[in-house]
């Protein structure tokens, strides 16, 4: 499920919400005031873990950049 960023048109609050792809076109209500919220984009995040690859899920160490 994607995590979307929203902005309330009434109070201006920014917040994030998970939406199923099937519910993507349904209107979103602001959790603070109940006003209409518009989607501003997909939220980007980084998952960090305790794996040996410094948070990498593939278990290998950090890679060297091919650009130098």
N, C-alpha and C. Protein backbone atom coordinates (compact mmCIF):
# COMPACT_ATOMS: atom_id res chain seq x y z
N UNK A 1 0.84 -1.18 0.00
CA UNK A 1 0.00 0.00 0.00
C UNK A 1 0.89 1.24 0.00
N UNK A 2 0.66 2.13 -0.94
CA UNK A 2 1.46 3.35 -0.98
C UNK A 2 1.10 4.30 0.16
N UNK A 3 2.08 5.07 0.58
CA UNK A 3 1.89 6.10 1.60
C UNK A 3 1.86 7.43 0.87
N UNK A 4 0.70 8.11 0.89
CA UNK A 4 0.52 9.36 0.16
C UNK A 4 0.60 10.55 1.10
N UNK A 5 1.04 11.68 0.57
CA UNK A 5 1.04 12.94 1.30
C UNK A 5 -0.19 13.74 0.89
N UNK A 6 -0.84 14.37 1.86
CA UNK A 6 -2.05 15.15 1.62
C UNK A 6 -1.90 16.54 2.23
N UNK A 7 -2.67 17.49 1.68
CA UNK A 7 -2.74 18.85 2.18
C UNK A 7 -4.21 19.22 2.29
N UNK A 8 -4.63 19.66 3.48
CA UNK A 8 -6.02 20.04 3.69
C UNK A 8 -6.26 21.42 3.07
N UNK A 9 -7.33 21.52 2.28
CA UNK A 9 -7.67 22.80 1.65
C UNK A 9 -8.28 23.79 2.65
N UNK A 10 -8.79 23.28 3.78
CA UNK A 10 -9.45 24.14 4.76
C UNK A 10 -8.48 24.71 5.78
N UNK A 11 -7.73 23.83 6.45
CA UNK A 11 -6.85 24.29 7.54
C UNK A 11 -5.37 24.30 7.17
N UNK A 12 -5.00 23.72 6.02
CA UNK A 12 -3.61 23.75 5.58
C UNK A 12 -2.71 22.69 6.20
N UNK A 13 -3.28 21.76 6.98
CA UNK A 13 -2.45 20.73 7.62
C UNK A 13 -1.95 19.75 6.58
N UNK A 14 -0.67 19.36 6.72
CA UNK A 14 -0.08 18.31 5.88
C UNK A 14 -0.04 17.03 6.69
N UNK A 15 -0.37 15.92 6.04
CA UNK A 15 -0.32 14.63 6.73
C UNK A 15 -0.13 13.53 5.70
N UNK A 16 0.16 12.32 6.20
CA UNK A 16 0.36 11.15 5.35
C UNK A 16 -0.71 10.12 5.65
N UNK A 17 -1.07 9.34 4.63
CA UNK A 17 -2.09 8.31 4.80
C UNK A 17 -1.84 7.17 3.82
N UNK A 18 -2.01 5.94 4.31
CA UNK A 18 -1.91 4.77 3.44
C UNK A 18 -3.22 4.64 2.66
N UNK A 19 -3.13 4.34 1.38
CA UNK A 19 -4.31 4.14 0.55
C UNK A 19 -4.11 2.90 -0.30
N UNK A 20 -5.13 2.08 -0.39
CA UNK A 20 -5.10 0.96 -1.33
C UNK A 20 -5.24 1.53 -2.73
N UNK A 21 -4.67 0.87 -3.69
CA UNK A 21 -4.76 1.34 -5.07
C UNK A 21 -6.21 1.42 -5.53
N UNK A 22 -7.07 0.54 -5.01
CA UNK A 22 -8.48 0.55 -5.39
C UNK A 22 -9.22 1.75 -4.78
N UNK A 23 -8.69 2.32 -3.70
CA UNK A 23 -9.31 3.47 -3.03
C UNK A 23 -8.66 4.79 -3.42
N UNK A 24 -7.76 4.75 -4.37
CA UNK A 24 -6.94 5.92 -4.71
C UNK A 24 -7.76 7.14 -5.12
N UNK A 25 -8.89 6.95 -5.80
CA UNK A 25 -9.67 8.08 -6.29
C UNK A 25 -10.76 8.54 -5.32
N UNK A 26 -10.86 7.92 -4.16
CA UNK A 26 -11.84 8.34 -3.16
C UNK A 26 -11.34 9.61 -2.46
N UNK A 27 -12.30 10.47 -2.06
CA UNK A 27 -11.91 11.70 -1.38
C UNK A 27 -11.35 11.39 0.00
N UNK A 28 -10.40 12.22 0.41
CA UNK A 28 -9.74 12.07 1.70
C UNK A 28 -10.19 13.22 2.60
N UNK A 29 -10.54 12.91 3.85
CA UNK A 29 -10.93 13.93 4.82
C UNK A 29 -9.76 14.20 5.76
N UNK A 30 -9.53 15.46 6.06
CA UNK A 30 -8.45 15.87 6.97
C UNK A 30 -8.73 15.32 8.37
N UNK A 31 -7.73 14.71 9.02
CA UNK A 31 -7.95 14.18 10.37
C UNK A 31 -8.10 15.29 11.42
N UNK A 32 -7.63 16.50 11.13
CA UNK A 32 -7.70 17.58 12.10
C UNK A 32 -9.05 18.30 12.08
N UNK A 33 -9.55 18.63 10.86
CA UNK A 33 -10.77 19.44 10.78
C UNK A 33 -11.89 18.78 9.98
N UNK A 34 -11.60 17.67 9.30
CA UNK A 34 -12.62 17.00 8.50
C UNK A 34 -12.82 17.62 7.12
N UNK A 35 -12.02 18.63 6.79
CA UNK A 35 -12.12 19.29 5.49
C UNK A 35 -11.59 18.42 4.37
N UNK A 36 -11.77 18.89 3.15
CA UNK A 36 -11.32 18.17 1.96
C UNK A 36 -9.81 18.29 1.84
N UNK A 37 -9.15 17.15 1.63
CA UNK A 37 -7.70 17.13 1.48
C UNK A 37 -7.35 16.68 0.08
N UNK A 38 -6.30 17.26 -0.48
CA UNK A 38 -5.84 16.90 -1.82
C UNK A 38 -4.49 16.20 -1.72
N UNK A 39 -4.32 15.20 -2.58
CA UNK A 39 -3.08 14.43 -2.59
C UNK A 39 -1.99 15.28 -3.24
N UNK A 40 -0.82 15.37 -2.59
CA UNK A 40 0.28 16.15 -3.13
C UNK A 40 1.39 15.27 -3.69
N UNK A 41 1.38 13.98 -3.35
CA UNK A 41 2.40 13.09 -3.88
C UNK A 41 2.52 11.83 -3.06
N UNK A 42 3.47 10.99 -3.46
CA UNK A 42 3.77 9.76 -2.72
C UNK A 42 4.90 10.07 -1.76
N UNK A 43 4.72 9.66 -0.52
CA UNK A 43 5.73 9.91 0.51
C UNK A 43 6.92 9.00 0.30
N UNK A 44 8.11 9.56 0.42
CA UNK A 44 9.35 8.78 0.30
C UNK A 44 9.89 8.52 1.70
N UNK A 45 10.40 7.33 1.92
CA UNK A 45 10.94 6.98 3.22
C UNK A 45 12.09 6.01 3.05
N UNK A 46 12.88 5.87 4.08
CA UNK A 46 14.00 4.92 4.09
C UNK A 46 13.79 3.96 5.24
N UNK A 47 13.92 2.68 4.96
CA UNK A 47 13.82 1.67 6.01
C UNK A 47 15.22 1.32 6.48
N UNK A 48 15.44 1.45 7.77
CA UNK A 48 16.74 1.09 8.34
C UNK A 48 16.54 -0.13 9.22
N UNK A 49 17.47 -1.04 9.14
CA UNK A 49 17.36 -2.25 9.93
C UNK A 49 18.69 -2.60 10.58
N UNK A 50 18.74 -3.76 11.18
CA UNK A 50 19.95 -4.19 11.85
C UNK A 50 20.63 -5.29 11.06
N UNK A 51 20.47 -5.27 9.75
CA UNK A 51 21.10 -6.28 8.92
C UNK A 51 22.59 -5.96 8.76
N UNK A 52 23.39 -6.95 8.40
CA UNK A 52 24.83 -6.72 8.28
C UNK A 52 25.21 -5.76 7.15
N UNK A 53 24.32 -5.45 6.25
CA UNK A 53 24.63 -4.58 5.13
C UNK A 53 24.28 -3.12 5.38
N UNK A 54 24.33 -2.66 6.63
CA UNK A 54 24.02 -1.27 7.00
C UNK A 54 22.63 -0.85 6.52
N UNK A 55 21.63 -1.68 6.79
CA UNK A 55 20.27 -1.36 6.42
C UNK A 55 19.84 -1.96 5.10
N UNK A 56 20.77 -2.58 4.38
CA UNK A 56 20.42 -3.19 3.11
C UNK A 56 19.73 -4.52 3.36
N UNK A 57 18.70 -4.79 2.62
CA UNK A 57 17.97 -6.03 2.81
C UNK A 57 18.62 -7.20 2.08
N UNK A 58 19.61 -6.92 1.23
CA UNK A 58 20.22 -8.01 0.47
C UNK A 58 21.39 -8.64 1.22
N UNK A 59 21.83 -8.05 2.32
CA UNK A 59 22.85 -8.66 3.16
C UNK A 59 24.28 -8.46 2.69
N UNK A 60 24.51 -7.65 1.67
CA UNK A 60 25.88 -7.38 1.26
C UNK A 60 26.30 -6.03 1.77
N UNK A 61 27.57 -5.79 1.80
CA UNK A 61 28.09 -4.52 2.29
C UNK A 61 27.80 -3.38 1.33
N UNK A 62 28.21 -2.17 1.71
CA UNK A 62 28.00 -1.01 0.86
C UNK A 62 28.73 -1.18 -0.48
N UNK A 63 28.13 -0.68 -1.53
CA UNK A 63 28.73 -0.78 -2.86
C UNK A 63 29.50 0.49 -3.19
N UNK A 64 30.56 0.32 -3.98
CA UNK A 64 31.30 1.47 -4.48
C UNK A 64 30.57 2.05 -5.68
N UNK A 65 30.60 3.33 -5.79
CA UNK A 65 29.95 4.01 -6.92
C UNK A 65 30.75 3.73 -8.19
N UNK A 66 30.08 3.43 -9.30
CA UNK A 66 30.79 3.22 -10.57
C UNK A 66 31.31 4.53 -11.16
N UNK A 67 30.97 5.66 -10.53
CA UNK A 67 31.37 6.97 -11.06
C UNK A 67 32.59 7.54 -10.36
N UNK A 68 33.19 6.75 -9.49
CA UNK A 68 34.42 7.26 -8.89
C UNK A 68 34.35 7.28 -7.46
